[in-house]
Amino acid sequence: MTATTIYQQHLAKTRANFTPLSPLSYLERTAAIYPDYPSVVYGARRFVWAETYARCQRLASALVARGVGTGDTVSIIAANIPELYEAHFGVPMAGAVLNAINTRLDAPIIAFILNHAEAKVLLVDPEFSGVVKQALEQVDHDILVIDIEDTSFDGGERLADLTYEGLLSEGASEFDWSLPADEWDAITLNYTSGTTGNPKGVVYHHRGAALNATSNILTWGMPQHSIYLWTLPMFHCNGWCFPWTMAANAGTSVCLRSVRDEPIYRAFREEGVTHFCGAPIVLNMLANAPDHLKDFSQQIKVMTAGAPPPAKVIETMEGMGVEVTHVYGLTETYGPSVVCAWKGEWNEKGPEDRAALKVRQGVKYVALSGLMVADPETMEPVPSDGETMGEIFMQGNIVMKGYLKNAEATDKAFKGGWFASGDLGVMHPDGYIALKDRSKDIIISGGENISSVEVEDALYKHPAVMEAAVVARPDEKWGETPCAFVELKPQAQVSEADIITFCRDHMAHFKAPKTVVFGALPKTSTGKIQKFILRDRARELS
């Protein structure tokens, strides 16, 4: 039994000295201090913080009046529009859990999510009414469906009698909401991609959401009142916690329905965007956009994650005046949890060397307690030599509560007091990690491990290559060989032999692809290349 110390005598938590951490408090504070500052922009629709706060209160009030409360799931399927931003506050203000659904899922998977989450309410953007209508036919319980109306979108159909604005009209703008009783209470539910079966429901708590939201500001050095462009889907890890970050920052969220180069560059110019997030595929799109679009004068910062960004893409973006910060994380870690923290002395290096440094995933986020690369069997850390591969493990407040209604998967993920990422990487002597592959993406050729990421990085250096992905192709002699899928830049012409020779000139010959397939690459809604589809195609080649 632990002895009582002098610091445990009449020094208990009380209402005066302890408040549960929650990002909801950020909205309340900013609305009180900066009520007339811009909060959300979407085309001609403009809101200030007092309006956003009042709308979130009305949403919470109306949901409660309709019987929604603690432990209930409110789902939403929507593009990056103001209503999805508001749901990140209004739903948990009602005590409920927000479930933002991937907009590119098919009807059976959407139905699975609604059933598994036991969704009580579903908010529907008209763009996705068709697939939602099919999904609802497969749902096994009653759901209150609410249509979001968007006059800027031409299409879709009504699925319900009640609209989002109609729901808000039922609520009170002075709704007396409260913080969660426990900061460990669930705030959101996010589903994994489910490429190898049904997706798993990742549960976030208020504490982790609050900590990662502020960690984003510290990590990025965001000035107050930053102007953030929504190119990253808000459904993806709750937009890496940036809806809550922007409330803490008292900044402006500029919403975009679709991610294309012209509206992004227009937002840069017209809205004075200072920050945005996006997968490397978004950066690649912007880097290869027509030069006449690239007309902006302010310094812009981008945070990128997903597949490791090719060094060439980073170099090109920074040459345009867009400062790249590379982060790494998973749905299970509230999005970004590792950052390639920049050091001033690296500024003296040339563009190519700086880009090579920025490719590394880096060190733990301010809100992450533990990060290691270790042998997954023994849990012993690998040598910090930049060569020995191991699995990446995380630990801390921005690791999920667990998987909803899936004890087996939760126990498997939490191994020896750590979260097992399933990603393979190395630890450099300076303490920075570098991701080498997902464990399933490592190519084992003739007994040698080949990182698909390393081969892809070489491919992106070729001037004709727009996008590239490398997977294993079965081979009778070698077991597996690298197979490259390449999308060329417009009007570019290059042969398979040219690509293979180029790679052999830039890396060990055994790592170079033995096969090159040209064509467009399949992607997820967040811009990640769907390697499981490419693996199937590579097997069909054999």
Protein backbone atom coordinates (compact mmCIF):
# COMPACT_ATOMS: atom_id res chain seq x y z
CA MET A 1 0.00 0.00 0.00
CA THR A 2 1.37 3.41 -1.01
CA ALA A 3 2.00 5.69 1.94
CA THR A 4 0.27 9.06 2.05
CA THR A 5 2.68 11.95 1.51
CA ILE A 6 2.41 15.56 2.58
CA TYR A 7 1.41 16.39 -1.01
CA GLN A 8 -1.72 14.25 -0.70
CA GLN A 9 -3.04 15.94 2.40
CA HIS A 10 -5.95 18.29 1.72
CA LEU A 11 -4.69 18.86 -1.85
CA ALA A 12 -7.49 17.15 -3.74
CA LYS A 13 -9.00 17.98 -7.11
CA THR A 14 -11.92 20.39 -6.80
CA ARG A 15 -14.03 22.45 -9.18
CA ALA A 16 -11.73 25.34 -8.39
CA ASN A 17 -8.51 23.67 -9.50
CA PHE A 18 -9.48 20.97 -11.99
CA THR A 19 -11.47 21.08 -15.23
CA PRO A 20 -11.67 18.19 -17.71
CA LEU A 21 -9.66 18.93 -20.84
CA SER A 22 -11.86 19.38 -23.90
CA PRO A 23 -11.52 21.30 -27.17
CA LEU A 24 -15.06 22.59 -26.60
CA SER A 25 -13.63 25.15 -24.20
CA TYR A 26 -11.57 26.62 -27.06
CA LEU A 27 -14.72 27.58 -28.97
CA GLU A 28 -16.31 29.22 -25.92
CA ARG A 29 -13.17 31.25 -25.18
CA THR A 30 -12.61 32.45 -28.74
CA ALA A 31 -16.26 33.44 -29.23
CA ALA A 32 -16.09 35.49 -26.03
CA ILE A 33 -12.81 37.26 -26.83
CA TYR A 34 -13.02 37.58 -30.65
CA PRO A 35 -16.78 37.51 -31.40
CA ASP A 36 -16.47 39.62 -34.57
CA TYR A 37 -13.39 37.92 -36.02
CA PRO A 38 -13.94 35.63 -39.05
CA SER A 39 -14.37 31.96 -38.19
CA VAL A 40 -15.56 30.07 -41.28
CA VAL A 41 -15.58 31.01 -44.96
CA TYR A 42 -17.32 29.02 -47.70
CA GLY A 43 -17.75 30.92 -50.94
CA ALA A 44 -20.22 33.73 -50.28
CA ARG A 45 -21.05 32.37 -46.81
CA ARG A 46 -19.09 34.19 -44.09
CA PHE A 47 -19.31 33.58 -40.36
CA VAL A 48 -17.71 35.23 -37.34
CA TRP A 49 -16.93 33.43 -34.10
CA ALA A 50 -20.03 34.65 -32.26
CA GLU A 51 -22.19 33.22 -35.06
CA THR A 52 -20.33 29.91 -35.20
CA TYR A 53 -20.63 29.49 -31.43
CA ALA A 54 -24.36 30.29 -31.49
CA ARG A 55 -24.95 27.83 -34.34
CA CYS A 56 -23.08 25.09 -32.46
CA GLN A 57 -25.15 25.81 -29.35
CA ARG A 58 -28.37 25.58 -31.36
CA LEU A 59 -27.22 22.30 -32.90
CA ALA A 60 -26.48 20.86 -29.46
CA SER A 61 -29.76 22.15 -28.02
CA ALA A 62 -31.82 20.71 -30.87
CA LEU A 63 -30.13 17.32 -30.65
CA VAL A 64 -30.74 17.12 -26.91
CA ALA A 65 -34.39 18.09 -27.41
CA ARG A 66 -34.72 15.18 -29.83
CA GLY A 67 -33.37 12.73 -27.28
CA VAL A 68 -29.67 12.66 -28.17
CA GLY A 69 -27.32 12.45 -25.21
CA THR A 70 -24.28 10.87 -23.62
CA GLY A 71 -23.08 7.77 -25.45
CA ASP A 72 -25.19 8.37 -28.56
CA THR A 73 -23.56 8.47 -31.99
CA VAL A 74 -24.32 11.26 -34.45
CA SER A 75 -22.99 10.46 -37.93
CA ILE A 76 -22.37 12.90 -40.76
CA ILE A 77 -21.29 12.43 -44.34
CA ALA A 78 -20.27 15.70 -45.92
CA ALA A 79 -17.60 17.53 -47.88
CA ASN A 80 -15.53 20.24 -46.17
CA ILE A 81 -18.45 22.62 -45.57
CA PRO A 82 -19.41 24.76 -42.55
CA GLU A 83 -21.94 22.23 -41.26
CA LEU A 84 -19.24 19.58 -40.82
CA TYR A 85 -17.08 22.11 -38.99
CA GLU A 86 -19.96 23.00 -36.66
CA ALA A 87 -20.71 19.34 -35.96
CA HIS A 88 -17.25 18.97 -34.42
CA PHE A 89 -18.48 21.18 -31.59
CA GLY A 90 -22.27 20.95 -31.56
CA VAL A 91 -22.42 17.16 -31.35
CA PRO A 92 -20.07 16.76 -28.34
CA MET A 93 -21.68 19.82 -26.70
CA ALA A 94 -24.81 17.65 -26.62
CA GLY A 95 -22.78 14.95 -24.87
CA ALA A 96 -22.86 12.75 -27.97
CA VAL A 97 -20.06 11.28 -30.12
CA LEU A 98 -19.40 12.58 -33.65
CA ASN A 99 -18.84 10.03 -36.41
CA ALA A 100 -17.64 11.73 -39.62
CA ILE A 101 -17.90 9.22 -42.47
CA ASN A 102 -15.50 8.94 -45.41
CA THR A 103 -17.32 10.41 -48.43
CA ARG A 104 -15.87 7.90 -50.89
CA LEU A 105 -17.14 4.75 -49.23
CA ASP A 106 -19.71 2.57 -50.94
CA ALA A 107 -23.20 1.89 -49.61
CA PRO A 108 -22.49 -1.47 -47.90
CA ILE A 109 -19.56 -0.02 -45.90
CA ILE A 110 -21.54 3.10 -44.95
CA ALA A 111 -24.36 0.82 -43.80
CA PHE A 112 -21.88 -1.26 -41.79
CA ILE A 113 -20.60 1.88 -40.05
CA LEU A 114 -24.08 3.17 -39.25
CA ASN A 115 -25.04 -0.22 -37.82
CA HIS A 116 -21.80 -0.79 -35.93
CA ALA A 117 -21.78 2.73 -34.47
CA GLU A 118 -25.48 2.41 -33.59
CA ALA A 119 -25.96 5.85 -35.12
CA LYS A 120 -28.97 7.73 -33.80
CA VAL A 121 -28.77 10.69 -36.19
CA LEU A 122 -27.32 11.06 -39.70
CA LEU A 123 -26.57 14.43 -41.32
CA VAL A 124 -26.33 14.17 -45.12
CA ASP A 125 -24.64 16.49 -47.63
CA PRO A 126 -26.65 16.47 -50.92
CA GLU A 127 -23.58 15.42 -52.91
CA PHE A 128 -23.72 12.02 -51.21
CA SER A 129 -27.48 11.51 -51.00
CA GLY A 130 -27.47 8.78 -53.65
CA VAL A 131 -25.06 6.43 -51.90
CA VAL A 132 -26.57 7.25 -48.50
CA LYS A 133 -30.05 6.36 -49.78
CA GLN A 134 -28.74 2.91 -50.76
CA ALA A 135 -26.96 2.52 -47.41
CA LEU A 136 -30.05 3.37 -45.39
CA GLU A 137 -31.86 0.46 -47.01
CA GLN A 138 -29.30 -1.82 -45.29
CA VAL A 139 -29.47 -0.22 -41.83
CA ASP A 140 -31.15 -2.35 -39.18
CA HIS A 141 -32.44 0.40 -36.86
CA ASP A 142 -34.21 3.76 -37.03
CA ILE A 143 -32.06 6.80 -37.72
CA LEU A 144 -33.12 10.45 -37.73
CA VAL A 145 -31.92 11.65 -41.14
CA ILE A 146 -31.27 15.36 -41.65
CA ASP A 147 -30.56 16.93 -45.02
CA ILE A 148 -27.87 19.59 -45.31
CA GLU A 149 -28.87 22.10 -47.98
CA ASP A 150 -26.10 23.72 -50.02
CA THR A 151 -27.22 26.24 -52.63
CA SER A 152 -23.73 26.20 -54.17
CA PHE A 153 -24.08 22.52 -55.05
CA ASP A 154 -26.28 21.61 -58.00
CA GLY A 155 -27.58 18.08 -57.55
CA GLY A 156 -28.54 15.48 -55.00
CA GLU A 157 -31.97 14.67 -53.61
CA ARG A 158 -33.85 15.18 -50.36
CA LEU A 159 -33.87 12.13 -48.11
CA ALA A 160 -35.80 13.55 -45.16
CA ASP A 161 -38.36 16.14 -44.10
CA LEU A 162 -35.97 17.90 -41.73
CA THR A 163 -33.09 20.10 -42.92
CA TYR A 164 -29.99 21.14 -41.01
CA GLU A 165 -31.16 24.76 -40.82
CA GLY A 166 -34.57 23.53 -39.73
CA LEU A 167 -32.90 21.53 -36.95
CA LEU A 168 -30.94 24.60 -35.82
CA SER A 169 -34.15 26.63 -35.70
CA GLU A 170 -35.42 24.20 -33.03
CA GLY A 171 -32.43 24.90 -30.79
CA ALA A 172 -31.46 27.70 -28.42
CA SER A 173 -28.41 29.89 -29.11
CA GLU A 174 -27.96 30.28 -25.35
CA PHE A 175 -28.00 26.53 -24.71
CA ASP A 176 -26.48 25.73 -21.31
CA TRP A 177 -24.09 22.98 -22.35
CA SER A 178 -21.37 21.56 -20.14
CA LEU A 179 -17.92 20.05 -20.48
CA PRO A 180 -17.70 16.25 -20.22
CA ALA A 181 -17.87 14.78 -16.76
CA ASP A 182 -14.63 12.97 -17.54
CA GLU A 183 -12.01 14.04 -20.08
CA TRP A 184 -11.65 10.34 -20.95
CA ASP A 185 -15.21 10.41 -22.35
CA ALA A 186 -15.48 9.74 -26.08
CA ILE A 187 -15.68 12.78 -28.37
CA THR A 188 -15.46 11.23 -31.84
CA LEU A 189 -15.51 7.91 -33.67
CA ASN A 190 -13.39 7.41 -36.82
CA TYR A 191 -13.35 4.30 -38.98
CA THR A 192 -10.21 2.90 -40.56
CA SER A 193 -10.09 2.25 -44.29
CA GLY A 194 -11.07 -1.41 -43.97
CA THR A 195 -9.10 -2.54 -47.01
CA THR A 196 -8.72 -6.07 -45.59
CA GLY A 197 -12.22 -6.45 -44.13
CA ASN A 198 -14.74 -4.36 -42.26
CA PRO A 199 -13.31 -1.09 -40.93
CA LYS A 200 -12.52 -0.70 -37.23
CA GLY A 201 -14.03 2.12 -35.18
CA VAL A 202 -11.31 4.23 -33.56
CA VAL A 203 -12.52 6.10 -30.46
CA TYR A 204 -11.02 9.47 -29.46
CA HIS A 205 -11.46 11.13 -26.06
CA HIS A 206 -11.80 14.82 -25.14
CA ARG A 207 -8.37 14.91 -23.50
CA GLY A 208 -6.52 13.65 -26.58
CA ALA A 209 -8.49 15.93 -28.92
CA ALA A 210 -7.67 18.98 -26.80
CA LEU A 211 -3.99 18.10 -26.48
CA ASN A 212 -3.42 17.36 -30.15
CA ALA A 213 -5.34 20.47 -31.22
CA THR A 214 -2.96 22.68 -29.23
CA SER A 215 0.00 20.49 -30.16
CA ASN A 216 -0.70 21.37 -33.81
CA ILE A 217 -0.25 25.06 -32.96
CA LEU A 218 2.98 24.50 -31.06
CA THR A 219 4.40 22.09 -33.61
CA TRP A 220 3.69 24.37 -36.54
CA GLY A 221 4.38 27.65 -34.76
CA MET A 222 1.00 28.95 -35.92
CA PRO A 223 0.47 32.67 -35.23
CA GLN A 224 -2.89 33.58 -33.73
CA HIS A 225 -5.63 34.28 -36.32
CA SER A 226 -4.00 32.10 -38.98
CA ILE A 227 -6.02 31.46 -42.14
CA TYR A 228 -6.35 27.74 -42.76
CA LEU A 229 -7.50 26.18 -46.05
CA TRP A 230 -9.43 22.92 -45.82
CA THR A 231 -7.89 20.64 -48.45
CA LEU A 232 -7.53 17.77 -45.96
CA PRO A 233 -10.91 16.04 -45.47
CA MET A 234 -12.46 16.85 -42.11
CA PHE A 235 -13.64 13.25 -41.92
CA HIS A 236 -10.03 12.05 -41.92
CA CYS A 237 -8.93 11.75 -38.26
CA ASN A 238 -11.28 14.71 -37.62
CA GLY A 239 -9.15 16.74 -40.00
CA TRP A 240 -6.05 15.91 -37.92
CA CYS A 241 -7.80 17.76 -35.04
CA PHE A 242 -7.64 21.06 -36.95
CA PRO A 243 -11.33 22.02 -36.45
CA TRP A 244 -10.46 22.32 -32.76
CA THR A 245 -7.02 23.78 -33.51
CA MET A 246 -8.58 26.67 -35.42
CA ALA A 247 -10.92 27.41 -32.52
CA ALA A 248 -7.95 27.54 -30.15
CA ASN A 249 -6.06 29.67 -32.68
CA ALA A 250 -9.02 32.05 -33.18
CA GLY A 251 -8.25 31.70 -36.87
CA THR A 252 -10.28 31.38 -40.04
CA SER A 253 -11.27 28.11 -41.70
CA VAL A 254 -11.62 28.45 -45.48
CA CYS A 255 -13.78 25.58 -46.71
CA LEU A 256 -13.53 23.94 -50.14
CA ARG A 257 -15.95 21.36 -51.50
CA SER A 258 -13.44 19.86 -53.93
CA VAL A 259 -9.66 19.65 -53.99
CA ARG A 260 -8.45 20.98 -57.33
CA ASP A 261 -5.50 23.18 -58.22
CA GLU A 262 -7.44 26.22 -59.53
CA PRO A 263 -9.71 26.80 -56.47
CA ILE A 264 -6.78 26.15 -54.11
CA TYR A 265 -4.59 28.76 -55.78
CA ARG A 266 -7.56 31.14 -55.95
CA ALA A 267 -8.06 30.73 -52.19
CA PHE A 268 -4.36 31.43 -51.68
CA ARG A 269 -4.78 34.76 -53.46
CA GLU A 270 -8.26 35.89 -52.46
CA GLU A 271 -8.47 34.64 -48.87
CA GLY A 272 -4.84 35.19 -47.86
CA VAL A 273 -4.37 31.57 -46.82
CA THR A 274 -1.40 31.02 -44.50
CA HIS A 275 -1.68 27.29 -43.71
CA PHE A 276 -3.10 24.10 -45.20
CA CYS A 277 -2.68 20.34 -44.86
CA GLY A 278 -2.65 17.65 -47.50
CA ALA A 279 -1.31 14.31 -48.58
CA PRO A 280 1.79 14.26 -50.82
CA ILE A 281 -0.52 13.68 -53.78
CA VAL A 282 -2.04 17.15 -53.19
CA LEU A 283 1.41 18.72 -53.09
CA ASN A 284 2.32 16.92 -56.29
CA MET A 285 -0.84 18.25 -57.96
CA LEU A 286 -0.01 21.81 -56.91
CA ALA A 287 3.62 21.50 -57.93
CA ASN A 288 2.59 20.39 -61.42
CA ALA A 289 -0.22 22.92 -61.89
CA PRO A 290 0.01 25.47 -64.74
CA ASP A 291 2.39 28.29 -63.89
CA HIS A 292 -0.23 31.01 -64.44
CA LEU A 293 -2.13 29.74 -61.36
CA LYS A 294 0.86 30.13 -59.04
CA ASP A 295 0.29 33.80 -58.35
CA PHE A 296 0.42 34.45 -54.62
CA SER A 297 2.71 36.66 -52.57
CA GLN A 298 2.37 35.55 -48.93
CA GLN A 299 4.40 32.87 -47.16
CA ILE A 300 2.32 29.69 -46.96
CA LYS A 301 2.96 26.66 -44.80
CA VAL A 302 1.78 23.14 -45.61
CA MET A 303 1.72 20.14 -43.32
CA THR A 304 1.90 16.86 -45.20
CA ALA A 305 1.57 13.21 -44.22
CA GLY A 306 0.39 9.89 -45.54
CA ALA A 307 2.84 8.10 -47.76
CA PRO A 308 6.33 9.58 -47.27
CA PRO A 309 6.53 12.57 -49.64
CA PRO A 310 9.14 12.30 -52.38
CA ALA A 311 12.08 14.63 -51.79
CA LYS A 312 11.63 16.10 -55.27
CA VAL A 313 8.05 17.18 -54.50
CA ILE A 314 9.18 18.87 -51.26
CA GLU A 315 11.97 20.64 -53.14
CA THR A 316 9.54 21.89 -55.80
CA MET A 317 6.98 23.17 -53.26
CA GLU A 318 9.59 25.04 -51.27
CA GLY A 319 10.93 26.55 -54.47
CA MET A 320 7.45 28.03 -54.98
CA GLY A 321 7.45 29.64 -51.54
CA VAL A 322 5.45 26.98 -49.69
CA GLU A 323 7.23 25.79 -46.53
CA VAL A 324 6.72 22.05 -46.00
CA THR A 325 6.40 20.42 -42.57
CA HIS A 326 6.38 16.64 -42.70
CA VAL A 327 4.35 14.81 -40.05
CA TYR A 328 3.38 11.21 -39.50
CA GLY A 329 0.62 9.44 -37.66
CA LEU A 330 -2.37 7.15 -37.97
CA THR A 331 -6.10 7.27 -37.36
CA GLU A 332 -5.29 5.59 -34.05
CA THR A 333 -3.09 8.55 -32.99
CA TYR A 334 -5.49 11.45 -33.72
CA GLY A 335 -3.70 12.03 -37.02
CA PRO A 336 -0.24 13.64 -36.72
CA SER A 337 1.81 12.45 -33.74
CA VAL A 338 5.36 12.62 -35.14
CA VAL A 339 6.97 15.63 -36.82
CA CYS A 340 10.18 16.29 -38.71
CA ALA A 341 11.09 19.11 -36.33
CA TRP A 342 13.26 21.57 -38.22
CA LYS A 343 16.60 22.82 -36.93
CA GLY A 344 17.99 26.20 -37.85
CA GLU A 345 21.41 24.88 -38.79
CA TRP A 346 19.81 22.86 -41.59
CA ASN A 347 18.91 26.09 -43.40
CA GLU A 348 22.53 26.33 -44.53
CA LYS A 349 22.16 23.17 -46.60
CA GLY A 350 21.24 23.16 -50.27
CA PRO A 351 17.63 22.61 -51.48
CA GLU A 352 18.19 18.92 -52.28
CA ASP A 353 19.79 18.17 -48.91
CA ARG A 354 17.07 20.07 -47.04
CA ALA A 355 14.40 18.11 -48.89
CA ALA A 356 16.15 14.83 -48.03
CA LEU A 357 16.04 15.78 -44.34
CA LYS A 358 12.36 16.73 -44.54
CA VAL A 359 11.46 13.34 -45.98
CA ARG A 360 12.14 11.80 -42.57
CA GLN A 361 9.13 11.45 -40.26
CA GLY A 362 11.06 12.83 -37.29
CA VAL A 363 10.47 13.04 -33.55
CA LYS A 364 7.47 12.84 -31.24
CA TYR A 365 4.80 15.54 -31.19
CA VAL A 366 4.55 17.75 -28.09
CA ALA A 367 1.50 15.70 -27.01
CA LEU A 368 3.09 12.27 -27.61
CA SER A 369 4.88 10.68 -24.64
CA GLY A 370 6.77 7.81 -26.24
CA LEU A 371 8.14 6.91 -29.68
CA MET A 372 10.42 4.02 -30.55
CA VAL A 373 11.45 1.71 -33.36
CA ALA A 374 11.68 -1.81 -31.99
CA ASP A 375 11.73 -5.50 -32.81
CA PRO A 376 8.02 -6.43 -32.78
CA GLU A 377 8.73 -9.80 -31.18
CA THR A 378 11.09 -8.78 -28.36
CA MET A 379 10.03 -5.11 -28.05
CA GLU A 380 13.71 -4.23 -27.86
CA PRO A 381 14.62 -0.92 -29.58
CA VAL A 382 16.66 -1.32 -32.75
CA PRO A 383 20.09 0.34 -33.05
CA SER A 384 19.98 4.04 -33.95
CA ASP A 385 21.97 3.51 -37.11
CA GLY A 386 19.48 4.59 -39.77
CA GLU A 387 19.68 1.11 -41.28
CA THR A 388 18.14 -1.49 -38.97
CA MET A 389 14.41 -1.76 -39.56
CA GLY A 390 11.83 -2.34 -36.86
CA GLU A 391 8.21 -1.55 -36.13
CA ILE A 392 7.21 1.95 -35.02
CA PHE A 393 5.54 2.12 -31.59
CA MET A 394 3.81 5.08 -29.87
CA GLN A 395 2.65 5.83 -26.37
CA GLY A 396 0.73 8.68 -24.78
CA ASN A 397 -2.38 10.83 -24.53
CA ILE A 398 -2.93 11.02 -28.29
CA VAL A 399 -3.25 7.28 -28.72
CA MET A 400 -6.87 6.20 -29.16
CA LYS A 401 -9.07 4.82 -26.37
CA GLY A 402 -9.33 1.67 -28.47
CA TYR A 403 -11.49 0.07 -31.16
CA LEU A 404 -15.26 0.25 -30.63
CA LYS A 405 -16.78 -3.12 -29.70
CA ASN A 406 -13.59 -4.94 -30.72
CA ALA A 407 -11.67 -6.07 -27.64
CA GLU A 408 -9.49 -8.50 -29.60
CA ALA A 409 -8.22 -5.83 -32.01
CA THR A 410 -7.70 -3.36 -29.16
CA ASP A 411 -5.63 -5.83 -27.14
CA LYS A 412 -3.57 -6.68 -30.22
CA ALA A 413 -2.89 -3.01 -30.94
CA PHE A 414 -1.75 -2.28 -27.38
CA LYS A 415 1.34 -4.43 -27.11
CA GLY A 416 3.48 -4.29 -23.99
CA GLY A 417 2.17 -0.87 -23.03
CA TRP A 418 2.74 0.55 -26.51
CA PHE A 419 0.58 1.10 -29.60
CA ALA A 420 1.87 -1.05 -32.45
CA SER A 421 1.60 0.98 -35.67
CA GLY A 422 2.23 -1.81 -38.17
CA ASP A 423 4.65 0.53 -39.95
CA LEU A 424 8.31 -0.29 -40.45
CA GLY A 425 11.06 2.27 -40.06
CA VAL A 426 14.56 3.05 -38.85
CA MET A 427 15.95 5.27 -36.10
CA HIS A 428 18.67 7.68 -37.16
CA PRO A 429 21.57 8.57 -34.84
CA ASP A 430 20.03 12.00 -34.16
CA GLY A 431 16.82 10.42 -32.84
CA TYR A 432 14.71 11.05 -35.95
CA ILE A 433 12.74 8.12 -37.33
CA ALA A 434 12.24 7.42 -41.02
CA LEU A 435 9.35 5.34 -42.29
CA LYS A 436 10.37 2.62 -44.70
CA ASP A 437 7.08 0.84 -45.38
CA ARG A 438 3.95 -0.69 -44.07
CA SER A 439 4.86 -4.20 -42.97
CA LYS A 440 2.71 -5.59 -45.76
CA ASP A 441 4.44 -3.39 -48.38
CA ILE A 442 8.02 -4.51 -47.82
CA ILE A 443 9.30 -6.39 -50.86
CA ILE A 444 11.45 -9.44 -50.09
CA SER A 445 13.50 -10.27 -53.16
CA GLY A 446 16.07 -13.04 -53.00
CA GLY A 447 16.09 -12.74 -49.21
CA GLU A 448 16.77 -8.99 -49.31
CA ASN A 449 14.30 -6.45 -47.94
CA ILE A 450 13.45 -3.68 -50.41
CA SER A 451 11.58 -0.59 -49.25
CA SER A 452 8.91 0.40 -51.75
CA VAL A 453 9.23 3.97 -50.42
CA GLU A 454 12.92 4.09 -51.40
CA VAL A 455 12.16 2.94 -54.95
CA GLU A 456 9.29 5.43 -55.24
CA ASP A 457 11.58 8.25 -54.15
CA ALA A 458 13.95 7.39 -56.98
CA LEU A 459 11.07 7.27 -59.48
CA TYR A 460 9.87 10.75 -58.51
CA LYS A 461 13.26 12.15 -59.45
CA HIS A 462 12.60 11.28 -63.09
CA PRO A 463 11.43 14.45 -64.89
CA ALA A 464 8.63 12.62 -66.73
CA VAL A 465 7.05 10.99 -63.66
CA MET A 466 3.93 12.59 -62.17
CA GLU A 467 3.02 9.84 -59.66
CA ALA A 468 4.47 6.47 -58.77
CA ALA A 469 3.80 3.49 -56.52
CA VAL A 470 5.80 0.30 -56.09
CA VAL A 471 4.52 -3.09 -54.93
CA ALA A 472 5.74 -6.68 -54.94
CA ARG A 473 5.23 -8.86 -58.00
CA PRO A 474 5.54 -12.63 -57.48
CA ASP A 475 8.63 -14.10 -59.14
CA GLU A 476 9.60 -17.78 -59.43
CA LYS A 477 13.31 -17.11 -59.04
CA TRP A 478 13.45 -14.21 -56.57
CA GLY A 479 10.21 -14.75 -54.69
CA GLU A 480 9.21 -11.14 -55.29
CA THR A 481 10.50 -8.29 -57.42
CA PRO A 482 9.60 -4.57 -57.39
CA CYS A 483 6.81 -3.63 -59.78
CA ALA A 484 6.39 0.10 -60.46
CA PHE A 485 3.09 1.69 -61.44
CA VAL A 486 3.78 5.07 -63.01
CA GLU A 487 1.60 7.95 -64.17
CA LEU A 488 3.48 10.27 -66.51
CA LYS A 489 3.19 14.04 -66.75
CA PRO A 490 1.05 15.34 -69.65
CA GLN A 491 2.74 14.95 -73.03
CA ALA A 492 5.66 13.06 -71.47
CA GLN A 493 6.93 10.01 -73.32
CA VAL A 494 9.25 7.44 -71.78
CA SER A 495 9.67 3.68 -72.04
CA GLU A 496 9.75 0.95 -69.41
CA ALA A 497 13.44 0.42 -70.15
CA ASP A 498 14.14 4.13 -69.65
CA ILE A 499 12.51 4.08 -66.21
CA ILE A 500 14.33 0.94 -65.10
CA THR A 501 17.69 2.29 -66.28
CA PHE A 502 17.07 5.59 -64.48
CA CYS A 503 16.34 3.78 -61.22
CA ARG A 504 19.42 1.57 -61.55
CA ASP A 505 21.46 4.76 -61.92
CA HIS A 506 20.05 6.12 -58.66
CA MET A 507 20.06 3.10 -56.34
CA ALA A 508 21.40 -0.41 -55.80
CA HIS A 509 20.56 -2.42 -58.91
CA PHE A 510 18.68 -5.16 -57.04
CA LYS A 511 16.25 -2.55 -55.69
CA ALA A 512 15.30 -1.16 -59.09
CA PRO A 513 11.90 -2.18 -60.49
CA LYS A 514 11.89 -5.15 -62.83
CA THR A 515 8.48 -4.19 -64.22
CA VAL A 516 6.92 -0.82 -65.03
CA VAL A 517 3.22 -0.33 -65.74
CA PHE A 518 2.01 3.03 -67.05
CA GLY A 519 -1.38 4.55 -66.27
CA ALA A 520 -3.47 6.42 -63.68
CA LEU A 521 -3.13 5.27 -60.06
CA PRO A 522 -6.12 4.34 -57.86
CA LYS A 523 -6.48 6.58 -54.78
CA THR A 524 -8.47 6.86 -51.59
CA SER A 525 -10.52 9.94 -50.69
CA THR A 526 -7.53 11.36 -48.81
CA GLY A 527 -5.21 11.02 -51.79
CA LYS A 528 -3.40 7.87 -50.69
CA ILE A 529 -2.56 5.46 -53.46
CA GLN A 530 -4.46 2.19 -53.00
CA LYS A 531 -1.62 -0.30 -53.04
CA PHE A 532 -3.87 -3.27 -52.34
CA ILE A 533 -5.40 -2.75 -55.81
CA LEU A 534 -1.95 -2.46 -57.37
CA ARG A 535 -0.81 -5.64 -55.60
CA ASP A 536 -3.73 -7.47 -57.22
CA ARG A 537 -2.76 -6.06 -60.61
CA ALA A 538 0.86 -7.09 -60.11
CA ARG A 539 -0.19 -10.65 -59.26
CA GLU A 540 -2.29 -10.76 -62.42
CA LEU A 541 0.83 -9.90 -64.46
CA SER A 542 2.57 -13.05 -63.29
